[in-house]
Amino acid sequence: MSAEHQDEKYLKMTTGPVGPLITGLAIPSAIIMLITAVYNTVDTYFVSFLGTSATAATGIAFPLMTVIQAVGFFFGHGSGNYIARELGSRNHKNAARMAATGFFSAFIAGAAIAVLGVLFLDPLVRLLGATDTILPFARDYLRFILIGAPFMICSLMQNNLLRYQGSSFYGMIGMVGGALVNTGLDPLFIFVFHWGTAGASLATMLSQFISFTVLFICSNRTDNVRIRFRYFSPSLATYREIMRGGLPSLARQGITSVSGVFMNHFAAVYGDAAIAAISIVQRVFMMAASLVVGIGQGFQPVCGFNYGAKLFPRVKDGFRFSLIAMTVPLLPLGVLGFVFAPQIIALFRPDDPLLIEIGTKAFRCQCLTVPLIGWITINNMLMQTIGKALKASFLAIARQGLFLLPLLFLLTPFLGLTGILIIPPVADICTFIVSIPLSISVFREMR
């Protein structure tokens, strides 16, 4: 990155109007997240034509996909948070070392997951909650997902690296390109080549490789911190910084994976239709969450630069702007989702009344607490970006670890399937409550 580009980016991030600045960064990030959620949902949509058990296989894969994403977010957020602060403090050599160390460490971690996962594929599928009828579909689906793990992890890592530097547009190019490839290959591999769930996961693997390649090229443009192997400098201090910024993401995604596994096991008692219905609801709600996360990702580089430059009033202004931008669109989306829940679920399996019934109940329960997502998300991103690792990690694991998992064990024996469906919104409410004092304490420190 040239000195001229460095100065331009610094001035832009620390002096530009906060609202337009966040909006400009959030639009590409929101598009990235939305497209990613859409093609995950499209994946489930095309697989649903293969039957209820095949649809349930995508739900079985969800916890594993979450683990892979957790590793990608861990290195991406851990490296990116540090890089944003170092660029805000004008320490560009430290930023370059962190970019290289984070990238190559992420690839090594992904390769380890791929090897271990393929070697122990059958026990892994069972652990994730597959029934005998789901097992063959889940095995075929997970094999290529695992092989593509290094590329998926590095794609997520590079996307976050670009975003924290204020270069969300380049990340959008890479992620959207891969998503379009996945959407085009899904029907080709499933319906033309008749490769079933294996075809769907092969399409995902190829799309991740394409995203990886495009993002690597974009990361090495002159106005970004370049990734060079000669800057790869693993050390305890470096990984401590990655842990500091990435631990909340790892905790959040990791506990989501664990809760997903238990959700599958509890739902399996009520048949493949229950697992499939929960899987569909998860995929659709990923689209609503993607909008919120995209806005938050526009806030994070602005927050990181200005926090590093000690411009705390700009951090607070950005927080307020992002919270409003997140919450306003969620209110009508929640209402529309509640009203049209049966029609949305029927898009996936119109010939399975039991799946539609279960999915509608789950969807409507989740719609009740959709407006709370904005407050929880922006607080978590604020704490993570400014290096409050303990508070951010606590809030990150609160929904799944402190509330959802214990409630799953407490309520399901008494309420059965209804308990499984109402627990997620109850966990949202509890997380919202505990986030309030954490937010107050962080803002008091910025006085």
Protein backbone atom coordinates (compact mmCIF):
# COMPACT_ATOMS: atom_id res chain seq x y z
CA MET A 1 0.00 0.00 0.00
CA SER A 2 1.55 3.32 -1.06
CA ALA A 3 2.00 6.21 1.41
CA GLU A 4 -0.40 8.33 -0.62
CA HIS A 5 -3.12 5.69 -0.49
CA GLN A 6 -2.47 5.20 3.23
CA ASP A 7 -3.00 8.90 3.94
CA GLU A 8 -6.13 9.06 1.79
CA LYS A 9 -7.71 6.10 3.54
CA TYR A 10 -6.79 7.41 6.99
CA LEU A 11 -8.34 10.82 6.30
CA LYS A 12 -11.44 9.25 4.81
CA MET A 13 -12.03 6.97 7.79
CA THR A 14 -11.31 9.54 10.49
CA THR A 15 -12.79 12.74 9.04
CA GLY A 16 -15.57 11.75 6.62
CA PRO A 17 -19.24 12.02 7.69
CA VAL A 18 -19.96 8.92 9.75
CA GLY A 19 -23.40 8.06 8.29
CA PRO A 20 -22.44 8.13 4.59
CA LEU A 21 -19.13 6.45 5.41
CA ILE A 22 -20.80 3.51 7.15
CA THR A 23 -23.46 3.31 4.44
CA GLY A 24 -20.84 3.15 1.70
CA LEU A 25 -19.01 0.36 3.49
CA ALA A 26 -22.17 -1.44 4.60
CA ILE A 27 -23.79 -1.77 1.17
CA PRO A 28 -21.10 -4.08 -0.27
CA SER A 29 -20.92 -5.99 3.04
CA ALA A 30 -24.70 -6.39 3.18
CA ILE A 31 -24.74 -7.60 -0.42
CA ILE A 32 -22.00 -10.11 0.38
CA MET A 33 -23.86 -11.44 3.41
CA LEU A 34 -27.22 -11.48 1.63
CA ILE A 35 -25.85 -13.28 -1.43
CA THR A 36 -24.10 -15.81 0.80
CA ALA A 37 -27.33 -16.43 2.72
CA VAL A 38 -29.34 -16.62 -0.49
CA TYR A 39 -27.14 -19.22 -2.11
CA ASN A 40 -27.11 -21.29 1.10
CA THR A 41 -30.89 -21.10 0.99
CA VAL A 42 -30.92 -21.89 -2.73
CA ASP A 43 -28.72 -24.92 -1.96
CA THR A 44 -31.38 -26.14 0.47
CA TYR A 45 -34.12 -25.32 -2.05
CA PHE A 46 -32.65 -27.45 -4.83
CA VAL A 47 -31.77 -30.29 -2.46
CA SER A 48 -35.38 -30.25 -1.19
CA PHE A 49 -36.49 -31.70 -4.55
CA LEU A 50 -34.64 -34.89 -3.56
CA GLY A 51 -36.96 -35.48 -0.59
CA THR A 52 -37.42 -34.65 3.09
CA SER A 53 -34.43 -36.74 4.25
CA ALA A 54 -32.16 -35.01 1.74
CA THR A 55 -33.43 -31.63 2.94
CA ALA A 56 -32.71 -32.70 6.50
CA ALA A 57 -29.12 -33.51 5.43
CA THR A 58 -28.48 -29.79 4.92
CA GLY A 59 -29.59 -29.30 8.52
CA ILE A 60 -27.16 -31.99 9.64
CA ALA A 61 -24.41 -30.14 7.78
CA PHE A 62 -25.30 -26.81 9.39
CA PRO A 63 -23.23 -27.29 12.59
CA LEU A 64 -20.17 -28.32 10.57
CA MET A 65 -20.56 -25.36 8.22
CA THR A 66 -20.78 -23.19 11.32
CA VAL A 67 -17.48 -24.58 12.63
CA ILE A 68 -15.78 -23.87 9.30
CA GLN A 69 -17.19 -20.36 9.33
CA ALA A 70 -16.09 -19.96 12.95
CA VAL A 71 -12.47 -20.64 12.00
CA GLY A 72 -12.69 -18.24 9.04
CA PHE A 73 -14.25 -15.51 11.18
CA PHE A 74 -11.74 -16.15 13.96
CA PHE A 75 -8.75 -15.42 11.72
CA GLY A 76 -10.56 -12.76 9.68
CA HIS A 77 -11.93 -10.78 12.61
CA GLY A 78 -8.86 -11.38 14.75
CA SER A 79 -6.48 -10.16 12.04
CA GLY A 80 -8.83 -7.48 10.70
CA ASN A 81 -9.54 -5.83 14.04
CA TYR A 82 -5.81 -5.52 14.71
CA ILE A 83 -5.09 -4.27 11.18
CA ALA A 84 -7.80 -1.58 11.39
CA ARG A 85 -6.40 -0.30 14.67
CA GLU A 86 -2.82 -0.38 13.35
CA LEU A 87 -3.81 1.48 10.20
CA GLY A 88 -5.63 4.01 12.37
CA SER A 89 -2.38 4.41 14.34
CA ARG A 90 -0.36 4.40 11.06
CA ASN A 91 1.65 1.26 11.89
CA HIS A 92 1.57 -0.25 8.40
CA LYS A 93 4.38 -2.81 8.80
CA ASN A 94 2.58 -4.44 11.72
CA ALA A 95 -0.59 -4.59 9.61
CA ALA A 96 1.27 -6.38 6.77
CA ARG A 97 2.73 -8.97 9.15
CA MET A 98 -0.66 -9.65 10.67
CA ALA A 99 -2.32 -10.05 7.25
CA ALA A 100 0.18 -12.70 6.16
CA THR A 101 0.18 -14.54 9.48
CA GLY A 102 -3.61 -14.63 9.65
CA PHE A 103 -4.00 -15.82 6.04
CA PHE A 104 -1.51 -18.70 6.10
CA SER A 105 -2.59 -19.80 9.56
CA ALA A 106 -6.19 -19.92 8.34
CA PHE A 107 -5.25 -22.13 5.38
CA ILE A 108 -3.35 -24.55 7.62
CA ALA A 109 -6.31 -24.78 10.00
CA GLY A 110 -8.67 -25.45 7.08
CA ALA A 111 -6.45 -28.21 5.72
CA ALA A 112 -6.42 -29.89 9.15
CA ILE A 113 -10.23 -29.80 9.32
CA ALA A 114 -10.48 -31.28 5.81
CA VAL A 115 -8.13 -34.19 6.49
CA LEU A 116 -9.62 -35.12 9.86
CA GLY A 117 -13.19 -34.71 8.63
CA VAL A 118 -12.79 -36.95 5.58
CA LEU A 119 -10.92 -39.61 7.58
CA PHE A 120 -13.69 -39.79 10.20
CA LEU A 121 -16.65 -38.94 7.99
CA ASP A 122 -19.17 -41.54 9.19
CA PRO A 123 -18.65 -40.95 12.93
CA LEU A 124 -18.81 -37.20 12.24
CA VAL A 125 -22.15 -37.49 10.43
CA ARG A 126 -23.57 -39.53 13.32
CA LEU A 127 -22.26 -37.02 15.84
CA LEU A 128 -23.99 -34.19 13.98
CA GLY A 129 -27.35 -35.91 14.48
CA ALA A 130 -28.03 -37.93 11.31
CA THR A 131 -30.68 -40.64 11.49
CA ASP A 132 -30.38 -43.86 9.49
CA THR A 133 -32.51 -42.39 6.69
CA ILE A 134 -30.58 -39.11 6.58
CA LEU A 135 -27.11 -40.71 6.84
CA PRO A 136 -26.40 -41.47 3.14
CA PHE A 137 -27.52 -38.01 2.01
CA ALA A 138 -25.54 -36.28 4.76
CA ARG A 139 -22.40 -38.31 4.02
CA ASP A 140 -22.48 -37.33 0.34
CA TYR A 141 -23.18 -33.71 1.18
CA LEU A 142 -20.45 -33.30 3.77
CA ARG A 143 -17.59 -34.92 1.84
CA PHE A 144 -17.04 -32.05 -0.61
CA ILE A 145 -17.85 -29.44 2.03
CA LEU A 146 -14.90 -30.78 4.03
CA ILE A 147 -12.56 -30.89 1.03
CA GLY A 148 -13.36 -27.25 0.34
CA ALA A 149 -12.84 -26.17 3.97
CA PRO A 150 -9.40 -24.51 3.43
CA PHE A 151 -10.78 -22.36 0.60
CA MET A 152 -13.97 -21.49 2.48
CA ILE A 153 -12.03 -20.46 5.58
CA CYS A 154 -9.55 -18.35 3.60
CA SER A 155 -12.37 -16.73 1.60
CA LEU A 156 -14.07 -15.61 4.80
CA MET A 157 -10.74 -14.51 6.23
CA GLN A 158 -9.80 -12.43 3.16
CA ASN A 159 -13.27 -10.90 2.89
CA ASN A 160 -13.00 -9.66 6.47
CA LEU A 161 -9.44 -8.46 5.90
CA LEU A 162 -10.61 -6.30 3.00
CA ARG A 163 -13.62 -5.05 4.94
CA TYR A 164 -11.60 -3.89 7.93
CA GLN A 165 -9.41 -1.88 5.56
CA GLY A 166 -12.46 -0.10 4.15
CA SER A 167 -12.34 -2.09 0.88
CA SER A 168 -15.68 -3.91 1.11
CA PHE A 169 -16.28 -3.52 -2.62
CA TYR A 170 -13.45 -5.91 -3.48
CA GLY A 171 -14.76 -8.44 -0.99
CA MET A 172 -18.17 -8.16 -2.61
CA ILE A 173 -16.71 -9.05 -6.03
CA GLY A 174 -15.14 -12.25 -4.71
CA MET A 175 -18.06 -13.46 -2.62
CA VAL A 176 -20.77 -12.60 -5.14
CA GLY A 177 -18.80 -14.26 -7.94
CA GLY A 178 -18.62 -17.50 -5.99
CA ALA A 179 -22.29 -17.31 -5.03
CA LEU A 180 -23.39 -16.93 -8.65
CA VAL A 181 -21.29 -19.95 -9.65
CA ASN A 182 -22.85 -22.01 -6.85
CA THR A 183 -26.38 -21.02 -7.83
CA GLY A 184 -25.73 -21.97 -11.46
CA LEU A 185 -24.00 -25.29 -10.74
CA ASP A 186 -26.58 -26.55 -8.20
CA PRO A 187 -29.37 -27.39 -10.69
CA LEU A 188 -26.79 -28.60 -13.25
CA PHE A 189 -25.16 -31.10 -10.89
CA ILE A 190 -28.39 -32.19 -9.16
CA PHE A 191 -30.90 -32.45 -12.03
CA VAL A 192 -28.78 -32.81 -15.19
CA PHE A 193 -25.87 -34.92 -13.93
CA HIS A 194 -28.04 -36.58 -11.21
CA TRP A 195 -25.33 -36.32 -8.55
CA GLY A 196 -27.82 -35.69 -5.74
CA THR A 197 -26.64 -34.08 -2.51
CA ALA A 198 -23.02 -34.73 -3.53
CA GLY A 199 -23.61 -32.49 -6.55
CA ALA A 200 -24.92 -29.69 -4.34
CA SER A 201 -21.86 -29.82 -2.07
CA LEU A 202 -19.49 -30.08 -5.07
CA ALA A 203 -21.06 -26.89 -6.44
CA THR A 204 -20.44 -25.22 -3.07
CA MET A 205 -16.81 -26.38 -3.00
CA LEU A 206 -16.08 -25.05 -6.50
CA SER A 207 -17.75 -21.73 -5.72
CA GLN A 208 -15.61 -21.36 -2.60
CA PHE A 209 -12.45 -22.00 -4.61
CA ILE A 210 -13.44 -19.30 -7.09
CA SER A 211 -14.17 -16.85 -4.27
CA PHE A 212 -10.81 -17.70 -2.71
CA THR A 213 -8.95 -16.97 -5.96
CA VAL A 214 -10.75 -13.71 -6.72
CA LEU A 215 -10.37 -12.44 -3.15
CA PHE A 216 -6.65 -13.23 -3.13
CA ILE A 217 -6.19 -11.17 -6.26
CA CYS A 218 -8.24 -8.30 -4.80
CA SER A 219 -6.32 -8.44 -1.51
CA ASN A 220 -3.12 -7.72 -3.37
CA ARG A 221 -4.24 -4.54 -5.08
CA THR A 222 -2.09 -1.50 -4.35
CA ASP A 223 -4.58 0.20 -2.02
CA ASN A 224 -4.79 -2.76 0.39
CA VAL A 225 -2.36 -4.45 2.76
CA ARG A 226 -0.75 -7.13 0.60
CA ILE A 227 -0.49 -10.77 1.65
CA ARG A 228 3.11 -11.93 1.26
CA PHE A 229 4.62 -15.15 2.61
CA ARG A 230 7.80 -13.32 3.62
CA TYR A 231 5.70 -11.42 6.18
CA PHE A 232 4.40 -14.67 7.71
CA SER A 233 5.64 -14.31 11.28
CA PRO A 234 3.82 -16.63 13.69
CA SER A 235 4.49 -15.78 17.30
CA LEU A 236 2.76 -15.92 20.65
CA ALA A 237 2.20 -12.17 20.56
CA THR A 238 0.63 -12.33 17.09
CA TYR A 239 -1.74 -15.14 17.98
CA ARG A 240 -2.62 -13.36 21.20
CA GLU A 241 -3.82 -10.41 19.12
CA ILE A 242 -5.77 -12.74 16.80
CA MET A 243 -7.36 -14.33 19.86
CA ARG A 244 -8.20 -10.91 21.24
CA GLY A 245 -10.13 -9.88 18.13
CA GLY A 246 -11.29 -13.28 16.90
CA LEU A 247 -12.28 -15.10 20.09
CA PRO A 248 -15.80 -13.60 20.21
CA SER A 249 -16.50 -14.84 16.67
CA LEU A 250 -15.03 -18.25 17.44
CA ALA A 251 -17.08 -18.48 20.61
CA ARG A 252 -20.29 -17.34 18.93
CA GLN A 253 -19.98 -19.65 15.95
CA GLY A 254 -18.60 -22.52 18.01
CA ILE A 255 -21.44 -22.51 20.50
CA THR A 256 -23.89 -22.14 17.60
CA SER A 257 -22.46 -25.34 16.17
CA VAL A 258 -22.79 -27.17 19.47
CA SER A 259 -26.38 -26.01 19.93
CA GLY A 260 -27.13 -27.02 16.34
CA VAL A 261 -25.92 -30.55 17.03
CA PHE A 262 -28.11 -30.86 20.12
CA MET A 263 -31.04 -29.31 18.26
CA ASN A 264 -30.70 -32.00 15.58
CA HIS A 265 -30.55 -34.78 18.16
CA PHE A 266 -33.60 -33.50 20.05
CA ALA A 267 -35.56 -32.92 16.82
CA ALA A 268 -34.66 -36.38 15.46
CA VAL A 269 -37.12 -37.89 17.97
CA TYR A 270 -39.91 -36.26 15.94
CA GLY A 271 -38.69 -37.50 12.56
CA ASP A 272 -36.82 -36.23 9.51
CA ALA A 273 -39.54 -33.63 8.88
CA ALA A 274 -38.67 -31.84 12.14
CA ILE A 275 -34.96 -31.63 11.29
CA ALA A 276 -35.77 -30.52 7.74
CA ALA A 277 -38.21 -27.84 8.95
CA ILE A 278 -35.70 -26.38 11.42
CA SER A 279 -33.05 -26.41 8.69
CA ILE A 280 -35.30 -24.42 6.34
CA VAL A 281 -36.12 -21.86 9.04
CA GLN A 282 -32.41 -21.43 9.83
CA ARG A 283 -31.56 -20.84 6.17
CA VAL A 284 -34.33 -18.27 5.62
CA PHE A 285 -33.50 -16.36 8.80
CA MET A 286 -29.88 -16.22 7.71
CA MET A 287 -31.07 -13.76 5.04
CA ALA A 288 -32.59 -11.42 7.63
CA ALA A 289 -29.50 -11.72 9.81
CA SER A 290 -27.27 -11.03 6.79
CA LEU A 291 -28.76 -7.55 6.45
CA VAL A 292 -27.99 -6.77 10.07
CA VAL A 293 -24.49 -8.24 9.94
CA GLY A 294 -23.76 -6.39 6.70
CA ILE A 295 -24.57 -3.03 8.32
CA GLY A 296 -22.49 -3.99 11.35
CA GLN A 297 -19.58 -4.87 9.11
CA GLY A 298 -19.81 -1.39 7.60
CA PHE A 299 -19.57 0.01 11.12
CA GLN A 300 -16.58 -2.08 12.23
CA PRO A 301 -13.80 -0.51 10.08
CA VAL A 302 -15.06 2.97 10.95
CA CYS A 303 -15.12 1.97 14.61
CA GLY A 304 -11.64 0.40 14.45
CA PHE A 305 -9.97 3.33 12.70
CA ASN A 306 -11.54 5.96 14.96
CA TYR A 307 -11.02 4.01 18.16
CA GLY A 308 -7.37 3.57 17.20
CA ALA A 309 -7.18 7.33 16.54
CA LYS A 310 -8.89 8.08 19.93
CA LEU A 311 -11.86 9.74 18.20
CA PHE A 312 -14.47 8.32 20.57
CA PRO A 313 -17.37 10.65 19.65
CA ARG A 314 -17.20 9.32 16.08
CA VAL A 315 -17.35 5.75 17.43
CA LYS A 316 -20.53 6.60 19.36
CA ASP A 317 -22.11 8.36 16.38
CA GLY A 318 -21.40 5.34 14.22
CA PHE A 319 -22.95 3.04 16.82
CA ARG A 320 -26.19 5.05 16.94
CA PHE A 321 -26.43 5.30 13.17
CA SER A 322 -25.87 1.57 12.69
CA LEU A 323 -28.38 0.58 15.37
CA ILE A 324 -31.13 2.60 13.70
CA ALA A 325 -30.22 1.30 10.24
CA MET A 326 -30.38 -2.28 11.54
CA THR A 327 -33.63 -2.07 13.50
CA VAL A 328 -35.88 -0.11 11.15
CA PRO A 329 -36.03 -2.71 8.32
CA LEU A 330 -36.37 -5.62 10.76
CA LEU A 331 -39.76 -4.50 12.06
CA PRO A 332 -41.71 -4.90 8.77
CA LEU A 333 -39.73 -8.03 7.88
CA GLY A 334 -40.81 -9.64 11.15
CA VAL A 335 -44.48 -8.81 10.50
CA LEU A 336 -44.40 -10.08 6.92
CA GLY A 337 -42.61 -13.24 7.95
CA PHE A 338 -45.18 -13.99 10.64
CA VAL A 339 -48.11 -13.52 8.22
CA PHE A 340 -46.67 -15.47 5.29
CA ALA A 341 -44.81 -18.18 7.21
CA PRO A 342 -46.81 -21.13 5.69
CA GLN A 343 -46.20 -19.91 2.15
CA ILE A 344 -42.47 -19.43 2.78
CA ILE A 345 -42.00 -22.94 4.18
CA ALA A 346 -44.11 -24.47 1.39
CA LEU A 347 -41.69 -23.11 -1.21
CA PHE A 348 -39.27 -25.82 -0.14
CA ARG A 349 -41.49 -28.89 0.42
CA PRO A 350 -45.06 -28.19 -0.79
CA ASP A 351 -46.00 -31.88 -0.63
CA ASP A 352 -45.07 -32.47 3.03
CA PRO A 353 -47.88 -31.17 5.33
CA LEU A 354 -46.07 -32.17 8.53
CA LEU A 355 -42.92 -30.28 7.54
CA ILE A 356 -44.99 -27.21 6.66
CA GLU A 357 -46.84 -27.35 9.98
CA ILE A 358 -43.64 -27.63 12.05
CA GLY A 359 -41.80 -25.05 9.93
CA THR A 360 -44.62 -22.51 10.19
CA LYS A 361 -44.66 -22.70 13.99
CA ALA A 362 -40.88 -22.37 14.19
CA PHE A 363 -40.83 -19.49 11.71
CA ARG A 364 -43.52 -17.51 13.53
CA CYS A 365 -41.83 -17.99 16.89
CA GLN A 366 -38.59 -16.62 15.51
CA CYS A 367 -40.33 -13.61 13.90
CA LEU A 368 -41.42 -12.38 17.33
CA THR A 369 -37.89 -11.42 18.35
CA VAL A 370 -36.38 -10.39 15.00
CA PRO A 371 -36.23 -6.66 15.98
CA LEU A 372 -33.87 -7.50 18.87
CA ILE A 373 -31.17 -8.84 16.54
CA GLY A 374 -29.90 -5.36 15.66
CA TRP A 375 -29.16 -4.28 19.24
CA ILE A 376 -27.46 -7.58 20.14
CA THR A 377 -25.36 -7.65 16.97
CA ILE A 378 -24.10 -4.05 17.01
CA ASN A 379 -23.10 -4.29 20.67
CA ASN A 380 -21.18 -7.49 20.03
CA MET A 381 -19.40 -5.95 17.03
CA LEU A 382 -18.51 -2.80 18.97
CA MET A 383 -16.95 -4.74 21.84
CA GLN A 384 -15.10 -7.05 19.48
CA THR A 385 -13.69 -4.24 17.32
CA ILE A 386 -12.34 -2.15 20.20
CA GLY A 387 -10.62 -5.17 21.75
CA LYS A 388 -13.00 -5.91 24.67
CA ALA A 389 -12.53 -9.63 24.13
CA LEU A 390 -14.03 -10.91 27.39
CA LYS A 391 -17.20 -8.83 27.16
CA ALA A 392 -17.59 -9.52 23.46
CA SER A 393 -17.04 -13.26 23.96
CA PHE A 394 -19.54 -13.36 26.84
CA LEU A 395 -22.19 -11.67 24.73
CA ALA A 396 -21.31 -13.85 21.73
CA ILE A 397 -21.94 -17.10 23.60
CA ALA A 398 -24.87 -15.85 25.72
CA ARG A 399 -27.69 -16.71 23.31
CA GLN A 400 -26.62 -20.25 22.51
CA GLY A 401 -24.53 -21.24 25.52
CA LEU A 402 -26.14 -19.52 28.49
CA PHE A 403 -29.76 -19.70 27.39
CA LEU A 404 -30.61 -21.86 24.36
CA LEU A 405 -28.73 -25.04 25.35
CA PRO A 406 -29.86 -25.12 29.02
CA LEU A 407 -33.44 -24.36 28.00
CA LEU A 408 -33.28 -27.15 25.42
CA PHE A 409 -32.54 -29.67 28.16
CA LEU A 410 -34.99 -28.13 30.65
CA LEU A 411 -38.07 -27.47 28.50
CA THR A 412 -38.03 -30.20 25.85
CA PRO A 413 -38.84 -33.07 28.27
CA PHE A 414 -41.99 -31.19 29.36
CA LEU A 415 -43.07 -29.35 26.19
CA GLY A 416 -41.76 -31.73 23.53
CA LEU A 417 -41.42 -30.32 20.01
CA THR A 418 -43.14 -27.08 21.07
CA GLY A 419 -40.32 -26.50 23.53
CA ILE A 420 -37.71 -26.85 20.77
CA LEU A 421 -39.55 -24.27 18.65
CA ILE A 422 -40.07 -21.59 21.33
CA ILE A 423 -36.59 -21.77 22.87
CA PRO A 424 -34.75 -19.64 20.21
CA PRO A 425 -36.92 -16.51 20.72
CA VAL A 426 -36.77 -16.92 24.50
CA ALA A 427 -32.96 -17.04 24.22
CA ASP A 428 -33.06 -13.83 22.12
CA ILE A 429 -34.98 -11.97 24.82
CA CYS A 430 -32.60 -13.12 27.56
CA THR A 431 -29.55 -12.11 25.50
CA PHE A 432 -31.05 -8.67 24.85
CA ILE A 433 -31.48 -8.13 28.58
CA VAL A 434 -27.91 -9.10 29.54
CA SER A 435 -26.44 -6.96 26.72
CA ILE A 436 -27.77 -3.70 28.19
CA PRO A 437 -25.40 -3.38 31.21
CA LEU A 438 -22.46 -4.51 29.07
CA SER A 439 -23.17 -1.74 26.56
CA ILE A 440 -23.45 0.88 29.30
CA SER A 441 -20.09 -0.10 30.78
CA VAL A 442 -18.31 0.09 27.42
CA PHE A 443 -19.63 3.58 26.64
CA ARG A 444 -18.68 4.82 30.10
CA GLU A 445 -15.08 3.76 29.40
CA MET A 446 -15.05 5.88 26.23
CA ARG A 447 -15.68 9.11 28.13
